[in-house]
C-alpha atoms as a PDB file:
ATOM      1  CA  MET A   1     -27.343  33.230  15.979  1.00  0.00           C
ATOM      2  CA  THR A   2     -25.625  30.381  17.780  1.00  0.00           C
ATOM      3  CA  SER A   3     -21.933  30.509  18.355  1.00  0.00           C
ATOM      4  CA  PHE A   4     -19.597  28.577  16.131  1.00  0.00           C
ATOM      5  CA  LEU A   5     -18.410  26.268  18.930  1.00  0.00           C
ATOM      6  CA  GLU A   6     -21.928  25.443  20.111  1.00  0.00           C
ATOM      7  CA  LYS A   7     -23.032  24.632  16.612  1.00  0.00           C
ATOM      8  CA  TRP A   8     -20.166  22.344  15.635  1.00  0.00           C
ATOM      9  CA  SER A   9     -18.990  20.827  18.938  1.00  0.00           C
ATOM     10  CA  ALA A  10     -21.785  18.256  18.844  1.00  0.00           C
ATOM     11  CA  ARG A  11     -20.345  17.005  15.545  1.00  0.00           C
ATOM     12  CA  LYS A  12     -16.758  16.824  16.734  1.00  0.00           C
ATOM     13  CA  SER A  13     -14.964  13.657  15.745  1.00  0.00           C
ATOM     14  CA  ASP A  14     -11.475  12.288  15.305  1.00  0.00           C
ATOM     15  CA  LYS A  15      -9.947  12.673  11.881  1.00  0.00           C
ATOM     16  CA  PRO A  16      -9.589   9.431   9.977  1.00  0.00           C
ATOM     17  CA  LYS A  17      -5.996   8.285   9.908  1.00  0.00           C
ATOM     18  CA  ALA A  18      -4.197   7.656   6.660  1.00  0.00           C
ATOM     19  CA  GLY A  19      -3.869   4.007   5.765  1.00  0.00           C
ATOM     20  CA  MET A  20      -6.705   2.938   8.044  1.00  0.00           C
ATOM     21  CA  ARG A  21      -8.720   1.526   5.154  1.00  0.00           C
ATOM     22  CA  SER A  22      -9.623  -2.133   5.581  1.00  0.00           C
ATOM     23  CA  ALA A  23      -7.825  -4.689   3.475  1.00  0.00           C
ATOM     24  CA  VAL A  24     -11.028  -5.378   1.529  1.00  0.00           C
ATOM     25  CA  ASP A  25     -11.512  -1.673   0.786  1.00  0.00           C
ATOM     26  CA  ALA A  26      -7.906  -1.384  -0.327  1.00  0.00           C
ATOM     27  CA  PHE A  27      -8.380  -4.417  -2.568  1.00  0.00           C
ATOM     28  CA  ARG A  28     -11.504  -2.847  -4.131  1.00  0.00           C
ATOM     29  CA  VAL A  29      -9.487   0.299  -4.873  1.00  0.00           C
ATOM     30  CA  ARG A  30      -6.757  -1.772  -6.511  1.00  0.00           C
ATOM     31  CA  VAL A  31      -9.336  -3.625  -8.638  1.00  0.00           C
ATOM     32  CA  ALA A  32     -10.755  -0.243  -9.713  1.00  0.00           C
ATOM     33  CA  GLU A  33      -7.215   0.855 -10.690  1.00  0.00           C
ATOM     34  CA  GLN A  34      -6.824  -2.298 -12.766  1.00  0.00           C
ATOM     35  CA  LYS A  35     -10.106  -1.612 -14.536  1.00  0.00           C
ATOM     36  CA  ALA A  36      -8.854   1.904 -15.351  1.00  0.00           C
ATOM     37  CA  TYR A  37      -5.601   0.423 -16.725  1.00  0.00           C
ATOM     38  CA  LEU A  38      -7.654  -2.020 -18.811  1.00  0.00           C
ATOM     39  CA  ALA A  39      -9.770   0.824 -20.222  1.00  0.00           C
ATOM     40  CA  GLU A  40      -6.599   2.730 -21.058  1.00  0.00           C
ATOM     41  CA  PHE A  41      -5.154  -0.339 -22.768  1.00  0.00           C
ATOM     42  CA  GLU A  42      -8.361  -0.866 -24.771  1.00  0.00           C
ATOM     43  CA  SER A  43      -8.324   2.752 -25.950  1.00  0.00           C
ATOM     44  CA  ASP A  44      -4.666   2.681 -27.073  1.00  0.00           C
ATOM     45  CA  GLY A  45      -3.104  -0.761 -27.037  1.00  0.00           C
ATOM     46  CA  ALA A  46       0.018   0.270 -28.946  1.00  0.00           C
ATOM     47  CA  GLY A  47       0.772   3.257 -26.732  1.00  0.00           C
ATOM     48  CA  PHE A  48       0.033   1.516 -23.438  1.00  0.00           C
ATOM     49  CA  ASN A  49       3.160   1.481 -21.311  1.00  0.00           C
ATOM     50  CA  LYS A  50       2.006   0.693 -17.775  1.00  0.00           C
ATOM     51  CA  TRP A  51       2.468  -3.056 -17.916  1.00  0.00           C
ATOM     52  CA  ARG A  52       4.510  -3.116 -14.709  1.00  0.00           C
ATOM     53  CA  SER A  53       1.469  -1.809 -12.779  1.00  0.00           C
ATOM     54  CA  THR A  54      -1.140  -4.154 -14.230  1.00  0.00           C
ATOM     55  CA  TRP A  55      -2.474  -7.432 -13.007  1.00  0.00           C
ATOM     56  CA  PHE A  56      -2.969  -8.510 -16.608  1.00  0.00           C
ATOM     57  CA  GLN A  57      -0.217  -9.266 -19.100  1.00  0.00           C
ATOM     58  CA  ARG A  58      -0.113 -10.537 -22.643  1.00  0.00           C
ATOM     59  CA  ALA A  59       0.225 -14.297 -22.666  1.00  0.00           C
ATOM     60  CA  PRO A  60       0.133 -16.964 -25.371  1.00  0.00           C
ATOM     61  CA  GLY A  61      -3.522 -17.286 -26.300  1.00  0.00           C
ATOM     62  CA  GLY A  62      -4.669 -14.000 -24.783  1.00  0.00           C
ATOM     63  CA  PHE A  63      -4.061 -12.379 -21.433  1.00  0.00           C
ATOM     64  CA  GLY A  64      -2.781 -13.762 -18.180  1.00  0.00           C
ATOM     65  CA  VAL A  65      -4.512 -12.234 -15.163  1.00  0.00           C
ATOM     66  CA  THR A  66      -3.181 -12.528 -11.645  1.00  0.00           C
ATOM     67  CA  ILE A  67      -4.736 -11.489  -8.346  1.00  0.00           C
ATOM     68  CA  GLY A  68      -2.352  -8.682  -7.622  1.00  0.00           C
ATOM     69  CA  ARG A  69       1.298  -9.145  -6.817  1.00  0.00           C
ATOM     70  CA  ASP A  70       0.406 -10.760  -3.495  1.00  0.00           C
ATOM     71  CA  SER A  71       0.627 -14.389  -2.536  1.00  0.00           C
ATOM     72  CA  ILE A  72      -3.111 -14.766  -2.111  1.00  0.00           C
ATOM     73  CA  ASP A  73      -5.609 -16.856  -4.026  1.00  0.00           C
ATOM     74  CA  ALA A  74      -9.332 -16.720  -4.632  1.00  0.00           C
ATOM     75  CA  GLY A  75      -9.832 -20.163  -3.139  1.00  0.00           C
ATOM     76  CA  GLN A  76      -8.677 -23.651  -4.120  1.00  0.00           C
ATOM     77  CA  GLY A  77      -5.313 -22.238  -5.271  1.00  0.00           C
ATOM     78  CA  LEU A  78      -6.806 -19.952  -7.932  1.00  0.00           C
ATOM     79  CA  SER A  79      -4.489 -16.956  -8.307  1.00  0.00           C
ATOM     80  CA  TYR A  80      -3.808 -16.821 -12.065  1.00  0.00           C
ATOM     81  CA  VAL A  81      -5.975 -17.368 -15.133  1.00  0.00           C
ATOM     82  CA  VAL A  82      -5.466 -17.035 -18.884  1.00  0.00           C
ATOM     83  CA  VAL A  83      -8.323 -15.482 -20.834  1.00  0.00           C
ATOM     84  CA  GLU A  84      -8.718 -14.697 -24.526  1.00  0.00           C
ATOM     85  CA  THR A  85     -10.097 -11.133 -24.627  1.00  0.00           C
ATOM     86  CA  THR A  86      -9.998  -7.891 -22.684  1.00  0.00           C
ATOM     87  CA  ALA A  87     -13.734  -8.311 -22.045  1.00  0.00           C
ATOM     88  CA  GLN A  88     -12.921 -11.494 -20.150  1.00  0.00           C
ATOM     89  CA  VAL A  89     -10.222  -9.641 -18.213  1.00  0.00           C
ATOM     90  CA  ALA A  90     -12.845  -7.054 -17.187  1.00  0.00           C
ATOM     91  CA  GLU A  91     -15.291  -9.811 -16.273  1.00  0.00           C
ATOM     92  CA  PHE A  92     -12.642 -11.524 -14.132  1.00  0.00           C
ATOM     93  CA  LEU A  93     -11.896  -8.232 -12.338  1.00  0.00           C
ATOM     94  CA  ASP A  94     -15.629  -7.661 -11.722  1.00  0.00           C
ATOM     95  CA  ASP A  95     -16.033 -11.183 -10.349  1.00  0.00           C
ATOM     96  CA  LEU A  96     -12.949 -10.709  -8.215  1.00  0.00           C
ATOM     97  CA  ALA A  97     -14.371  -7.504  -6.684  1.00  0.00           C
ATOM     98  CA  GLN A  98     -17.668  -9.262  -6.027  1.00  0.00           C
ATOM     99  CA  HIS A  99     -15.767 -12.209  -4.514  1.00  0.00           C
ATOM    100  CA  ALA A 100     -13.930  -9.783  -2.199  1.00  0.00           C
ATOM    101  CA  ASP A 101     -17.261  -8.305  -1.089  1.00  0.00           C
ATOM    102  CA  ASN A 102     -19.076 -11.576  -0.392  1.00  0.00           C
ATOM    103  CA  ASP A 103     -16.544 -14.307   0.442  1.00  0.00           C
ATOM    104  CA  VAL A 104     -15.545 -14.260   4.094  1.00  0.00           C
ATOM    105  CA  SER A 105     -12.595 -16.626   3.621  1.00  0.00           C
ATOM    106  CA  PHE A 106     -11.210 -14.403   0.859  1.00  0.00           C
ATOM    107  CA  GLN A 107     -11.614 -11.358   3.106  1.00  0.00           C
ATOM    108  CA  LYS A 108      -9.680 -13.204   5.822  1.00  0.00           C
ATOM    109  CA  ALA A 109      -6.972 -14.051   3.288  1.00  0.00           C
ATOM    110  CA  LEU A 110      -6.718 -10.368   2.353  1.00  0.00           C
ATOM    111  CA  GLU A 111      -6.356  -9.382   6.015  1.00  0.00           C
ATOM    112  CA  GLN A 112      -3.727 -12.081   6.644  1.00  0.00           C
ATOM    113  CA  ASN A 113      -1.830 -10.959   3.580  1.00  0.00           C
ATOM    114  CA  ARG A 114      -1.891  -7.374   4.802  1.00  0.00           C
ATOM    115  CA  LEU A 115      -0.567  -8.442   8.204  1.00  0.00           C
ATOM    116  CA  ARG A 116       2.169 -10.558   6.558  1.00  0.00           C
ATOM    117  CA  ARG A 117       3.259  -7.666   4.349  1.00  0.00           C
ATOM    118  CA  ALA A 118       3.245  -5.263   7.292  1.00  0.00           C
ATOM    119  CA  ALA A 119       5.412  -7.657   9.309  1.00  0.00           C
ATOM    120  CA  LEU A 120       7.859  -7.937   6.407  1.00  0.00           C
ATOM    121  CA  LEU A 121       7.994  -4.177   6.056  1.00  0.00           C
ATOM    122  CA  ASN A 122       8.528  -3.659   9.772  1.00  0.00           C
ATOM    123  CA  SER A 123      11.308  -6.258   9.911  1.00  0.00           C
ATOM    124  CA  ALA A 124      13.012  -4.612   6.940  1.00  0.00           C
ATOM    125  CA  LYS A 125      12.826  -1.250   8.662  1.00  0.00           C
ATOM    126  CA  ALA A 126      14.294  -2.791  11.815  1.00  0.00           C
ATOM    127  CA  LYS A 127      17.210  -4.227   9.827  1.00  0.00           C
ATOM    128  CA  VAL A 128      17.933  -0.823   8.301  1.00  0.00           C
ATOM    129  CA  LYS A 129      17.965   0.840  11.730  1.00  0.00           C
ATOM    130  CA  ALA A 130      20.208  -1.839  13.327  1.00  0.00           C
ATOM    131  CA  PRO A 131      23.397  -1.055  11.331  1.00  0.00           C
ATOM    132  CA  ALA A 132      22.989   2.633  12.153  1.00  0.00           C
ATOM    133  CA  ALA A 133      22.959   1.763  15.862  1.00  0.00           C
ATOM    134  CA  LYS A 134      26.088  -0.354  15.450  1.00  0.00           C
ATOM    135  CA  ALA A 135      27.874   2.469  13.648  1.00  0.00           C
ATOM    136  CA  ALA A 136      27.160   4.800  16.571  1.00  0.00           C
ATOM    137  CA  THR A 137      28.919   2.445  18.986  1.00  0.00           C
ATOM    138  CA  ARG A 138      32.079   2.331  16.901  1.00  0.00           C
ATOM    139  CA  LYS A 139      34.985   4.648  17.532  1.00  0.00           C
ATOM    140  CA  PRO A 140      34.466   7.856  15.525  1.00  0.00           C
ATOM    141  CA  ALA A 141      36.925   8.553  12.700  1.00  0.00           C
ATOM    142  CA  THR A 142      37.789  11.984  14.116  1.00  0.00           C
ATOM    143  CA  VAL A 143      39.213  10.396  17.268  1.00  0.00           C
ATOM    144  CA  LYS A 144      41.398   8.117  15.184  1.00  0.00           C
ATOM    145  CA  ALA A 145      42.660  11.063  13.164  1.00  0.00           C
ATOM    146  CA  THR A 146      43.622  13.046  16.256  1.00  0.00           C
ATOM    147  CA  GLU A 147      45.443  10.070  17.696  1.00  0.00           C
ATOM    148  CA  THR A 148      47.514   9.620  14.549  1.00  0.00           C
ATOM    149  CA  SER A 149      48.212  13.358  14.313  1.00  0.00           C
ATOM    150  CA  GLN A 150      49.608  13.301  17.845  1.00  0.00           C
ATOM    151  CA  VAL A 151      52.005  10.520  16.879  1.00  0.00           C
ATOM    152  CA  SER A 152      53.099  12.325  13.759  1.00  0.00           C
ATOM    153  CA  GLY A 153      53.467  15.520  15.824  1.00  0.00           C
ATOM    154  CA  GLU A 154      55.920  13.772  18.114  1.00  0.00           C
ATOM    155  CA  ALA A 155      57.853  12.535  15.133  1.00  0.00           C
ATOM    156  CA  SER A 156      57.999  16.042  13.693  1.00  0.00           C
ATOM    157  CA  VAL A 157      59.860  17.267  16.785  1.00  0.00           C
ATOM    158  CA  GLU A 158      62.703  14.908  16.013  1.00  0.00           C
ATOM    159  CA  LYS A 159      62.974  15.724  12.293  1.00  0.00           C
ATOM    160  CA  PRO A 160      62.712  19.169  10.802  1.00  0.00           C
ATOM    161  CA  LYS A 161      60.168  19.640   8.060  1.00  0.00           C
ATOM    162  CA  ARG A 162      61.375  19.903   4.539  1.00  0.00           C
ATOM    163  CA  GLY A 163      61.170  23.428   3.304  1.00  0.00           C
ATOM    164  CA  ARG A 164      60.727  24.737  -0.200  1.00  0.00           C
ATOM    165  CA  LYS A 165      63.722  24.962  -2.411  1.00  0.00           C
ATOM    166  CA  PRO A 166      64.770  28.510  -3.052  1.00  0.00           C
ATOM    167  CA  LYS A 167      64.052  29.795  -6.540  1.00  0.00           C
ATOM    168  CA  ALA A 168      67.153  30.372  -8.579  1.00  0.00           C
END
């Protein structure tokens, strides 16, 4: 029997990091989520309450379908369509997934969009951290309170404190 370390050390690898999925893979997952939402809507249209998460919405004449909430398009400015049936919504999502698999320019647009969103997120995080750094450089409130108590302490030497009135 071989030892545990000898057996498995040849297969040692680094763990995959969270969030390291490519932009195209992440887009495929989001399309799959949308197809699941569509199936849920088709099974119970009246009870469906996840409209805020969907890429499809009711529109005059059918359903409006957008390519996510991102500012990307599928080429030639195509980012929103209106279709008549849920079957056409499903067909659009299928074509969109196939487009993401085969169209190099669309894949580049997905990557650029991911980089743009990451930059926005990082700049927002930097803005949140900046006021905290400014607050640390300010004079702490406890120092101000001790300074004012020293002044009032000097004033108390001059005037006696008011005592309680005796009960009668």
